[in-house]
PDB file of N, CA and C in Angstrom:
ATOM      1  N   UNK A   1     116.925 202.299-183.451  1.00  0.00           N
ATOM      2  CA  UNK A   1     118.150 202.222-182.733  1.00  0.00           C
ATOM      3  C   UNK A   1     118.636 203.505-182.343  1.00  0.00           C
ATOM      4  N   UNK A   2     119.427 203.719-181.183  1.00  0.00           N
ATOM      5  CA  UNK A   2     119.908 204.856-180.898  1.00  0.00           C
ATOM      6  C   UNK A   2     121.578 204.679-180.932  1.00  0.00           C
ATOM      7  N   UNK A   3     122.018 205.601-181.409  1.00  0.00           N
ATOM      8  CA  UNK A   3     123.475 205.648-181.514  1.00  0.00           C
ATOM      9  C   UNK A   3     124.230 207.000-181.116  1.00  0.00           C
ATOM     10  N   UNK A   4     125.160 206.837-180.216  1.00  0.00           N
ATOM     11  CA  UNK A   4     125.733 208.078-179.564  1.00  0.00           C
ATOM     12  C   UNK A   4     126.693 208.599-180.487  1.00  0.00           C
ATOM     13  N   UNK A   5     126.663 209.755-180.853  1.00  0.00           N
ATOM     14  CA  UNK A   5     127.631 210.429-181.742  1.00  0.00           C
ATOM     15  C   UNK A   5     128.943 210.855-180.826  1.00  0.00           C
ATOM     16  N   UNK A   6     129.943 211.173-181.723  1.00  0.00           N
ATOM     17  CA  UNK A   6     131.216 211.619-180.979  1.00  0.00           C
ATOM     18  C   UNK A   6     131.046 212.987-180.245  1.00  0.00           C
ATOM     19  N   UNK A   7     130.107 213.693-180.551  1.00  0.00           N
ATOM     20  CA  UNK A   7     129.826 214.987-179.985  1.00  0.00           C
ATOM     21  C   UNK A   7     129.095 214.850-178.711  1.00  0.00           C
ATOM     22  N   UNK A   8     128.538 213.674-178.420  1.00  0.00           N
ATOM     23  CA  UNK A   8     127.684 213.343-177.315  1.00  0.00           C
ATOM     24  C   UNK A   8     126.307 213.321-177.608  1.00  0.00           C
ATOM     25  N   UNK A   9     125.878 213.804-178.811  1.00  0.00           N
ATOM     26  CA  UNK A   9     124.492 213.740-179.233  1.00  0.00           C
ATOM     27  C   UNK A   9     123.944 212.235-179.523  1.00  0.00           C
ATOM     28  N   UNK A  10     122.705 212.079-179.543  1.00  0.00           N
ATOM     29  CA  UNK A  10     122.237 210.795-179.796  1.00  0.00           C
ATOM     30  C   UNK A  10     121.387 210.779-181.149  1.00  0.00           C
ATOM     31  N   UNK A  11     121.620 209.823-182.011  1.00  0.00           N
ATOM     32  CA  UNK A  11     121.024 209.754-183.293  1.00  0.00           C
ATOM     33  C   UNK A  11     120.349 208.501-183.333  1.00  0.00           C
ATOM     34  N   UNK A  12     119.002 208.745-183.734  1.00  0.00           N
ATOM     35  CA  UNK A  12     118.015 207.672-183.724  1.00  0.00           C
ATOM     36  C   UNK A  12     117.645 207.305-185.209  1.00  0.00           C
ATOM     37  N   UNK A  13     117.672 206.015-185.474  1.00  0.00           N
ATOM     38  CA  UNK A  13     117.480 205.524-186.727  1.00  0.00           C
ATOM     39  C   UNK A  13     116.864 204.228-186.870  1.00  0.00           C
ATOM     40  N   UNK A  14     116.273 203.821-187.838  1.00  0.00           N
ATOM     41  CA  UNK A  14     115.530 202.496-187.985  1.00  0.00           C
ATOM     42  C   UNK A  14     116.702 201.543-188.724  1.00  0.00           C
ATOM     43  N   UNK A  15     116.877 200.284-187.865  1.00  0.00           N
ATOM     44  CA  UNK A  15     117.793 199.326-188.304  1.00  0.00           C
ATOM     45  C   UNK A  15     117.076 198.534-189.449  1.00  0.00           C
ATOM     46  N   UNK A  16     117.561 198.764-190.632  1.00  0.00           N
ATOM     47  CA  UNK A  16     116.746 198.270-191.822  1.00  0.00           C
ATOM     48  C   UNK A  16     116.898 196.592-191.899  1.00  0.00           C
ATOM     49  N   UNK A  17     117.978 196.078-191.422  1.00  0.00           N
ATOM     50  CA  UNK A  17     118.065 194.718-191.496  1.00  0.00           C
ATOM     51  C   UNK A  17     117.102 194.123-190.411  1.00  0.00           C
ATOM     52  N   UNK A  18     116.939 194.674-189.183  1.00  0.00           N
ATOM     53  CA  UNK A  18     116.134 194.080-188.291  1.00  0.00           C
ATOM     54  C   UNK A  18     114.595 194.176-188.776  1.00  0.00           C
ATOM     55  N   UNK A  19     114.328 195.436-189.433  1.00  0.00           N
ATOM     56  CA  UNK A  19     113.040 195.587-190.064  1.00  0.00           C
ATOM     57  C   UNK A  19     112.684 194.705-190.978  1.00  0.00           C
ATOM     58  N   UNK A  20     113.637 194.230-191.842  1.00  0.00           N
ATOM     59  CA  UNK A  20     113.285 193.277-192.884  1.00  0.00           C
ATOM     60  C   UNK A  20     113.248 191.873-192.408  1.00  0.00           C
ATOM     61  N   UNK A  21     113.849 191.579-191.458  1.00  0.00           N
ATOM     62  CA  UNK A  21     113.635 190.415-190.657  1.00  0.00           C
ATOM     63  C   UNK A  21     112.429 190.252-190.055  1.00  0.00           C
ATOM     64  N   UNK A  22     111.934 191.246-189.326  1.00  0.00           N
ATOM     65  CA  UNK A  22     110.620 191.164-188.761  1.00  0.00           C
ATOM     66  C   UNK A  22     109.581 191.104-189.717  1.00  0.00           C
ATOM     67  N   UNK A  23     109.499 191.771-190.860  1.00  0.00           N
ATOM     68  CA  UNK A  23     108.684 191.808-191.778  1.00  0.00           C
ATOM     69  C   UNK A  23     108.531 190.250-192.363  1.00  0.00           C
ATOM     70  N   UNK A  24     109.710 189.686-192.695  1.00  0.00           N
ATOM     71  CA  UNK A  24     109.790 188.413-193.328  1.00  0.00           C
ATOM     72  C   UNK A  24     109.184 187.379-192.494  1.00  0.00           C
ATOM     73  N   UNK A  25     109.474 187.509-191.122  1.00  0.00           N
ATOM     74  CA  UNK A  25     108.816 186.551-190.195  1.00  0.00           C
ATOM     75  C   UNK A  25     107.244 186.786-190.060  1.00  0.00           C
ATOM     76  N   UNK A  26     106.813 187.749-190.213  1.00  0.00           N
ATOM     77  CA  UNK A  26     105.395 188.188-190.191  1.00  0.00           C
ATOM     78  C   UNK A  26     104.679 187.428-191.410  1.00  0.00           C
ATOM     79  N   UNK A  27     105.326 187.718-192.719  1.00  0.00           N
ATOM     80  CA  UNK A  27     104.825 187.074-193.850  1.00  0.00           C
ATOM     81  C   UNK A  27     104.864 185.526-193.756  1.00  0.00           C
ATOM     82  N   UNK A  28     105.910 184.996-193.111  1.00  0.00           N
ATOM     83  CA  UNK A  28     105.930 183.611-193.057  1.00  0.00           C
ATOM     84  C   UNK A  28     104.974 182.966-192.078  1.00  0.00           C
ATOM     85  N   UNK A  29     104.349 183.668-191.216  1.00  0.00           N
ATOM     86  CA  UNK A  29     103.416 183.343-190.204  1.00  0.00           C
ATOM     87  C   UNK A  29     101.913 183.391-190.707  1.00  0.00           C
ATOM     88  N   UNK A  30     101.698 184.152-191.818  1.00  0.00           N
ATOM     89  CA  UNK A  30     100.395 184.381-192.261  1.00  0.00           C
ATOM     90  C   UNK A  30      99.607 183.141-192.443  1.00  0.00           C
ATOM     91  N   UNK A  31     100.250 181.981-193.044  1.00  0.00           N
ATOM     92  CA  UNK A  31      99.390 180.811-193.242  1.00  0.00           C
ATOM     93  C   UNK A  31      99.152 180.105-192.011  1.00  0.00           C
ATOM     94  N   UNK A  32      99.714 180.531-190.822  1.00  0.00           N
ATOM     95  CA  UNK A  32      99.358 179.702-189.594  1.00  0.00           C
ATOM     96  C   UNK A  32      98.181 180.559-188.745  1.00  0.00           C
ATOM     97  N   UNK A  33      97.661 181.633-189.383  1.00  0.00           N
ATOM     98  CA  UNK A  33      96.752 182.613-188.697  1.00  0.00           C
ATOM     99  C   UNK A  33      95.403 181.786-188.563  1.00  0.00           C
ATOM    100  N   UNK A  34      94.720 181.713-187.463  1.00  0.00           N
ATOM    101  CA  UNK A  34      93.391 181.075-187.302  1.00  0.00           C
ATOM    102  C   UNK A  34      92.301 181.728-187.864  1.00  0.00           C
ATOM    103  N   UNK A  35      92.068 181.841-189.170  1.00  0.00           N
ATOM    104  CA  UNK A  35      91.203 182.675-189.716  1.00  0.00           C
ATOM    105  C   UNK A  35      89.672 182.325-189.446  1.00  0.00           C
ATOM    106  N   UNK A  36      89.513 180.988-189.302  1.00  0.00           N
ATOM    107  CA  UNK A  36      88.024 180.770-188.885  1.00  0.00           C
ATOM    108  C   UNK A  36      87.688 181.233-187.482  1.00  0.00           C
ATOM    109  N   UNK A  37      88.622 181.060-186.618  1.00  0.00           N
ATOM    110  CA  UNK A  37      88.414 181.471-185.129  1.00  0.00           C
ATOM    111  C   UNK A  37      88.294 183.005-185.162  1.00  0.00           C
ATOM    112  N   UNK A  38      89.052 183.715-185.861  1.00  0.00           N
ATOM    113  CA  UNK A  38      88.926 185.196-185.974  1.00  0.00           C
ATOM    114  C   UNK A  38      87.614 185.631-186.476  1.00  0.00           C
ATOM    115  N   UNK A  39      87.129 184.912-187.552  1.00  0.00           N
ATOM    116  CA  UNK A  39      85.894 185.256-188.085  1.00  0.00           C
ATOM    117  C   UNK A  39      84.717 185.073-187.010  1.00  0.00           C
ATOM    118  N   UNK A  40      84.826 183.981-186.208  1.00  0.00           N
ATOM    119  CA  UNK A  40      83.787 183.686-185.272  1.00  0.00           C
ATOM    120  C   UNK A  40      83.840 184.749-184.267  1.00  0.00           C
ATOM    121  N   UNK A  41      84.994 185.207-183.678  1.00  0.00           N
ATOM    122  CA  UNK A  41      85.119 186.307-182.655  1.00  0.00           C
ATOM    123  C   UNK A  41      84.509 187.563-183.346  1.00  0.00           C
ATOM    124  N   UNK A  42      84.745 187.896-184.612  1.00  0.00           N
ATOM    125  CA  UNK A  42      84.260 189.035-185.271  1.00  0.00           C
ATOM    126  C   UNK A  42      82.726 189.037-185.229  1.00  0.00           C
ATOM    127  N   UNK A  43      82.144 187.840-185.296  1.00  0.00           N
ATOM    128  CA  UNK A  43      80.781 187.756-185.688  1.00  0.00           C
ATOM    129  C   UNK A  43      80.151 187.701-184.218  1.00  0.00           C
ATOM    130  N   UNK A  44      80.896 187.551-183.026  1.00  0.00           N
ATOM    131  CA  UNK A  44      80.344 187.183-181.688  1.00  0.00           C
ATOM    132  C   UNK A  44      79.739 185.736-181.653  1.00  0.00           C
ATOM    133  N   UNK A  45      80.168 184.873-182.242  1.00  0.00           N
ATOM    134  CA  UNK A  45      79.905 183.469-182.134  1.00  0.00           C
ATOM    135  C   UNK A  45      80.672 182.671-181.068  1.00  0.00           C
ATOM    136  N   UNK A  46      81.537 183.519-180.388  1.00  0.00           N
ATOM    137  CA  UNK A  46      82.389 182.616-179.369  1.00  0.00           C
ATOM    138  C   UNK A  46      81.518 182.530-178.078  1.00  0.00           C
ATOM    139  N   UNK A  47      81.638 181.378-177.278  1.00  0.00           N
ATOM    140  CA  UNK A  47      81.009 181.037-176.107  1.00  0.00           C
ATOM    141  C   UNK A  47      81.355 182.178-175.088  1.00  0.00           C
ATOM    142  N   UNK A  48      80.413 182.812-174.364  1.00  0.00           N
ATOM    143  CA  UNK A  48      80.739 183.643-173.343  1.00  0.00           C
ATOM    144  C   UNK A  48      80.485 185.192-173.864  1.00  0.00           C
ATOM    145  N   UNK A  49      80.301 185.375-175.163  1.00  0.00           N
ATOM    146  CA  UNK A  49      80.222 186.549-175.756  1.00  0.00           C
ATOM    147  C   UNK A  49      78.711 187.016-175.917  1.00  0.00           C
TER     148      UNK A  49
END
């Protein structure tokens, strides 16, 4: 995040609430990751590779 200060300078910082929300969403989506498909891609077992 960028926040303009009274003196005109800009202060950059990490929005911790947003950071936590993103981390939580990523953790919630782990069970939906297509692991078998990713393993096939890693081994080159996908059609056309």
